């Protein structure tokens, strides 16, 4: 998505390669020397937890904005991006109250420091009190072209994802801080159990949240095909996106899975990888 939009704004996208599943802060510092922003994912696409505070520090020291793409369901156990120096946090909320739906639709979210509040798209809702002293909410800032001069608008083309966002709000409100923490702890525990139980070698030593990459003795796409014939979809073949990773299977363990599910997955993988 970033690569598609960037040329229209005259932006150049520079990718920093991973080392052992994570990004080297020194490499980020070198790449960010004249950059406007540094964007990193936490956890990343390989399932590993990045050294996020160090990456944010590298961006800030280079004069670039640090932007973290985060999984909202991880924030019960992982530190919030703002706490380690990020200017913005973005992400998508499928994991919080929405079905996978074959890839969409989902809702996105964006949080930023107050410095950027007038550059944010959409509406900013503020809290106040009414004439009777009761709590009330008002539209504090509106940046859509229907409400302000078009040249100052930051939200000209929009899609209505209110129903999806409302499902996310309901889910997070129902969970609360303690529930969100319990969800995160469940994901971490299942990922660790999968590391120990699945009879394949984990590819990366870096800590993970809810995804683990395993090396397969045959191409990962063949493993997936054989496993699905047995009624189990084991994961994602990283070779679809990364050259040289045709034998790597990325397995996801969310709070929807159980120890019994992992045991069944382990048995099927042992059978199809012979």
Protein backbone atom coordinates (compact mmCIF):
# COMPACT_ATOMS: atom_id res chain seq x y z
CA UNK A 1 0.00 0.00 0.00
CA UNK A 2 2.79 2.42 0.93
CA UNK A 3 4.67 1.67 -2.30
CA UNK A 4 1.50 2.30 -4.31
CA UNK A 5 0.74 5.68 -2.75
CA UNK A 6 4.32 6.98 -2.38
CA UNK A 7 5.11 7.85 -6.03
CA UNK A 8 2.07 10.13 -6.25
CA UNK A 9 3.52 12.22 -3.43
CA UNK A 10 7.09 12.11 -4.77
CA UNK A 11 8.22 9.87 -1.91
CA UNK A 12 10.92 7.23 -2.05
CA UNK A 13 10.47 4.04 -0.03
CA UNK A 14 13.68 2.43 1.28
CA UNK A 15 13.43 -1.04 2.81
CA UNK A 16 15.85 -2.21 5.50
CA UNK A 17 16.44 -5.96 5.38
CA UNK A 18 15.92 -8.13 8.44
CA UNK A 19 18.72 -9.90 10.28
CA UNK A 20 17.65 -13.10 11.97
CA UNK A 21 14.00 -12.10 11.74
CA UNK A 22 14.30 -8.56 13.15
CA UNK A 23 15.55 -5.16 12.02
CA UNK A 24 18.97 -3.85 13.03
CA UNK A 25 18.64 -0.39 14.65
CA UNK A 26 22.04 0.65 13.23
CA UNK A 27 20.83 -0.17 9.71
CA UNK A 28 17.69 1.85 10.34
CA UNK A 29 19.76 4.78 11.61
CA UNK A 30 21.84 4.72 8.42
CA UNK A 31 18.77 4.54 6.16
CA UNK A 32 16.98 7.29 8.10
CA UNK A 33 19.74 9.87 7.79
CA UNK A 34 17.65 12.02 5.40
CA UNK A 35 14.26 10.33 5.80
CA UNK A 36 10.94 11.93 6.70
CA UNK A 37 9.70 8.92 8.65
CA UNK A 38 10.57 5.39 9.73
CA UNK A 39 7.77 2.83 9.70
CA UNK A 40 8.16 -0.54 11.41
CA UNK A 41 5.77 -3.32 12.34
CA UNK A 42 5.41 -4.75 15.84
CA UNK A 43 5.24 -7.76 15.75
CA UNK A 44 6.67 -7.91 12.25
CA UNK A 45 5.51 -9.94 9.26
CA UNK A 46 7.81 -12.82 10.20
CA UNK A 47 6.13 -13.06 13.60
CA UNK A 48 9.11 -11.69 15.54
CA UNK A 49 9.09 -8.90 18.08
CA UNK A 50 11.22 -5.99 16.90
CA UNK A 51 13.55 -4.03 19.19
CA UNK A 52 10.96 -1.28 18.98
CA UNK A 53 12.42 1.24 21.47
CA UNK A 54 15.78 1.08 19.70
CA UNK A 55 14.17 1.50 16.26
CA UNK A 56 12.18 4.50 17.46
CA UNK A 57 15.30 6.02 19.00
CA UNK A 58 17.23 5.51 15.74
CA UNK A 59 14.48 7.33 13.83
CA UNK A 60 14.25 10.19 16.32
CA UNK A 61 18.01 10.69 16.42
CA UNK A 62 18.03 10.94 12.62
CA UNK A 63 15.28 13.56 12.71
CA UNK A 64 12.64 11.24 11.22
CA UNK A 65 9.20 10.51 12.62
CA UNK A 66 8.93 7.06 14.20
CA UNK A 67 5.72 5.25 13.21
CA UNK A 68 4.77 1.86 14.66
CA UNK A 69 2.33 -0.47 12.93
CA UNK A 70 0.93 -2.48 15.82
CA UNK A 71 -1.44 -5.35 16.51
CA UNK A 72 -4.02 -3.88 18.94
CA UNK A 73 -4.45 -7.26 20.65
CA UNK A 74 -0.77 -7.24 21.60
CA UNK A 75 -0.95 -4.02 23.59
CA UNK A 76 -2.11 -5.75 26.74
CA UNK A 77 1.36 -7.25 27.08
CA UNK A 78 3.56 -5.04 24.87
CA UNK A 79 4.47 -1.43 25.57
CA UNK A 80 2.45 1.27 23.81
CA UNK A 81 4.32 3.00 20.92
CA UNK A 82 3.95 6.42 22.49
CA UNK A 83 5.83 5.23 25.58
CA UNK A 84 8.96 4.48 23.57
CA UNK A 85 9.05 7.60 21.46
CA UNK A 86 6.84 7.02 18.44
CA UNK A 87 5.10 9.98 16.85
CA UNK A 88 2.30 7.82 15.47
CA UNK A 89 0.80 4.36 15.87
CA UNK A 90 -1.25 2.75 13.11
CA UNK A 91 -2.76 -0.63 12.45
CA UNK A 92 -5.86 -2.55 11.46
CA UNK A 93 -8.48 -3.93 13.75
CA UNK A 94 -9.55 -7.26 12.29
CA UNK A 95 -8.28 -9.07 15.37
CA UNK A 96 -10.42 -6.87 17.64
CA UNK A 97 -14.02 -7.86 17.08
CA UNK A 98 -14.14 -8.54 13.33
CA UNK A 99 -14.24 -11.69 11.26
CA UNK A 100 -11.36 -12.50 8.85
CA UNK A 101 -13.95 -12.27 6.01
CA UNK A 102 -11.55 -13.67 3.40
CA UNK A 103 -9.26 -10.67 3.78
CA UNK A 104 -11.69 -7.85 4.43
CA UNK A 105 -13.27 -5.48 5.00
CA UNK A 106 -11.53 -4.39 8.17
CA UNK A 107 -11.13 -1.07 9.90
CA UNK A 108 -7.90 0.85 10.34
CA UNK A 109 -6.84 3.01 13.26
CA UNK A 110 -4.41 5.88 13.65
CA UNK A 111 -3.13 7.57 16.79
CA UNK A 112 -0.74 10.51 16.87
CA UNK A 113 0.84 13.02 19.20
CA UNK A 114 -1.17 16.17 19.74
CA UNK A 115 1.29 18.05 17.50
CA UNK A 116 -0.29 16.34 14.48
CA UNK A 117 -3.95 16.59 15.45
CA UNK A 118 -4.80 19.11 12.72
CA UNK A 119 -3.22 16.86 10.08
CA UNK A 120 -5.25 13.79 11.00
CA UNK A 121 -8.09 12.76 8.65
CA UNK A 122 -11.67 12.37 9.80
CA UNK A 123 -13.13 13.81 12.96
CA UNK A 124 -11.72 14.38 16.44
CA UNK A 125 -14.30 13.92 19.19
CA UNK A 126 -13.78 15.76 22.47
CA UNK A 127 -15.31 15.33 25.92
CA UNK A 128 -17.01 18.18 27.75
CA UNK A 129 -20.07 18.83 29.97
CA UNK A 130 -23.48 20.11 28.96
CA UNK A 131 -25.50 22.88 30.60
CA UNK A 132 -26.65 20.45 33.27
CA UNK A 133 -23.11 19.45 34.14
CA UNK A 134 -23.45 15.99 32.56
CA UNK A 135 -20.66 14.43 30.51
CA UNK A 136 -21.09 15.04 26.78
CA UNK A 137 -19.13 14.49 23.57
CA UNK A 138 -18.70 16.98 20.75
CA UNK A 139 -16.99 17.10 17.37
CA UNK A 140 -13.95 19.19 18.27
CA UNK A 141 -12.17 19.11 14.93
CA UNK A 142 -13.56 18.24 11.52
CA UNK A 143 -11.12 18.03 8.62
CA UNK A 144 -13.49 16.87 5.90
CA UNK A 145 -13.98 19.04 2.84
CA UNK A 146 -17.71 19.35 3.63
CA UNK A 147 -16.84 21.28 6.79
CA UNK A 148 -13.77 23.37 5.96
CA UNK A 149 -12.05 24.89 2.95
CA UNK A 150 -11.14 22.15 0.49
CA UNK A 151 -7.48 23.12 0.24
CA UNK A 152 -7.10 22.63 3.99
CA UNK A 153 -9.00 19.34 4.14
CA UNK A 154 -7.13 16.13 4.98
CA UNK A 155 -10.08 13.80 4.45
CA UNK A 156 -11.42 14.21 0.92
CA UNK A 157 -12.12 10.59 0.02
CA UNK A 158 -13.41 8.32 2.75
CA UNK A 159 -14.98 4.93 3.30
CA UNK A 160 -17.52 4.29 6.03
CA UNK A 161 -16.16 1.62 8.37
CA UNK A 162 -18.28 2.70 11.34
CA UNK A 163 -19.96 -0.67 11.87
CA UNK A 164 -16.59 -2.46 11.83
CA UNK A 165 -15.05 0.10 14.17
CA UNK A 166 -18.05 -0.18 16.48
CA UNK A 167 -17.48 -3.95 16.72
CA UNK A 168 -13.88 -3.23 17.69
CA UNK A 169 -14.97 -0.67 20.29
CA UNK A 170 -17.46 -3.13 21.78
CA UNK A 171 -14.83 -5.89 21.92
CA UNK A 172 -12.16 -3.75 23.57
CA UNK A 173 -14.68 -2.24 26.02
CA UNK A 174 -15.88 -5.73 26.95
CA UNK A 175 -12.34 -6.99 27.46
CA UNK A 176 -11.07 -4.00 29.41
CA UNK A 177 -7.38 -3.65 30.36
CA UNK A 178 -7.27 -6.93 32.27
CA UNK A 179 -9.05 -8.88 29.54
CA UNK A 180 -6.74 -7.47 26.88
CA UNK A 181 -3.77 -8.54 28.97
CA UNK A 182 -5.22 -12.05 29.33
CA UNK A 183 -5.72 -12.30 25.56
CA UNK A 184 -2.09 -11.30 25.01
CA UNK A 185 -0.80 -13.75 27.60
CA UNK A 186 -2.84 -16.53 25.97
CA UNK A 187 -1.31 -15.80 22.56
CA UNK A 188 2.23 -15.73 23.96
CA UNK A 189 1.69 -18.98 25.87
CA UNK A 190 0.23 -20.79 22.84
CA UNK A 191 3.08 -19.60 20.61
CA UNK A 192 5.62 -20.91 23.13
CA UNK A 193 3.74 -24.22 23.42
CA UNK A 194 3.75 -24.55 19.61
CA UNK A 195 7.52 -24.02 19.58
CA UNK A 196 7.93 -26.91 21.99
CA UNK A 197 5.23 -29.21 20.60
CA UNK A 198 5.50 -28.95 16.78
CA UNK A 199 8.18 -31.33 15.47
CA UNK A 200 9.82 -28.73 13.23
CA UNK A 201 12.73 -26.35 13.79
CA UNK A 202 11.83 -22.72 14.59
CA UNK A 203 13.56 -20.47 12.08
CA UNK A 204 14.19 -17.43 14.28
CA UNK A 205 15.43 -17.13 17.86
CA UNK A 206 13.76 -13.76 18.40
CA UNK A 207 10.80 -13.65 20.83
CA UNK A 208 7.33 -13.76 19.29
CA UNK A 209 3.79 -12.73 20.18
CA UNK A 210 1.38 -15.06 18.37
CA UNK A 211 3.21 -16.29 15.27
CA UNK A 212 6.11 -18.72 14.90
CA UNK A 213 8.03 -19.52 11.71
CA UNK A 214 9.06 -23.18 11.23
CA UNK A 215 11.41 -24.71 8.67
CA UNK A 216 9.86 -27.55 6.70
CA UNK A 217 11.71 -30.48 5.06
CA UNK A 218 9.65 -30.00 1.89
CA UNK A 219 8.30 -26.78 0.33
CA UNK A 220 5.88 -25.07 2.71
CA UNK A 221 3.21 -24.85 0.01
CA UNK A 222 3.24 -28.65 -0.29
CA UNK A 223 2.95 -28.94 3.49
CA UNK A 224 -0.09 -26.66 3.43
CA UNK A 225 -1.71 -28.63 0.59
CA UNK A 226 -1.21 -31.98 2.34
CA UNK A 227 -2.40 -30.65 5.70
CA UNK A 228 -5.54 -29.15 4.20
CA UNK A 229 -6.38 -32.54 2.70
CA UNK A 230 -6.50 -33.71 6.33
CA UNK A 231 -8.79 -30.88 7.41
CA UNK A 232 -6.12 -28.59 8.89
CA UNK A 233 -4.88 -25.28 7.50
CA UNK A 234 -1.44 -25.04 9.13
CA UNK A 235 -0.30 -21.54 8.24
CA UNK A 236 1.23 -19.31 5.59
CA UNK A 237 4.08 -20.03 3.17
CA UNK A 238 6.54 -17.13 3.58
CA UNK A 239 8.05 -17.97 0.20
CA UNK A 240 5.05 -16.25 -1.35
CA UNK A 241 6.52 -12.93 -0.25
CA UNK A 242 10.21 -13.57 0.49
CA UNK A 243 12.69 -15.09 -1.92
CA UNK A 244 14.61 -18.00 -0.40
CA UNK A 245 11.90 -18.81 2.18
CA UNK A 246 10.07 -21.53 0.27
CA UNK A 247 10.70 -23.95 3.13
CA UNK A 248 9.34 -21.71 5.89
CA UNK A 249 5.84 -22.03 7.32
CA UNK A 250 4.41 -19.23 9.47
CA UNK A 251 1.98 -20.57 12.08
CA UNK A 252 -0.43 -18.21 13.90
CA UNK A 253 -1.79 -18.95 17.39
CA UNK A 254 -4.48 -16.50 18.47
CA UNK A 255 -6.67 -16.59 21.56
CA UNK A 256 -9.22 -18.51 19.44
CA UNK A 257 -6.96 -21.60 19.45
CA UNK A 258 -6.43 -24.13 22.22
CA UNK A 259 -3.77 -26.54 23.45
CA UNK A 260 -5.75 -29.33 21.77
CA UNK A 261 -5.66 -27.44 18.47
CA UNK A 262 -1.87 -27.16 18.72
CA UNK A 263 -1.60 -30.88 19.50
CA UNK A 264 -3.66 -31.72 16.42
CA UNK A 265 -1.60 -29.37 14.26
CA UNK A 266 1.61 -30.97 15.54
CA UNK A 267 0.34 -34.46 14.71
CA UNK A 268 -0.73 -33.46 11.19
CA UNK A 269 2.57 -31.67 10.47
CA UNK A 270 4.52 -34.70 11.68
CA UNK A 271 2.53 -36.85 9.27
CA UNK A 272 2.73 -34.64 6.18
CA UNK A 273 6.41 -33.74 6.61
CA UNK A 274 7.68 -37.34 6.56
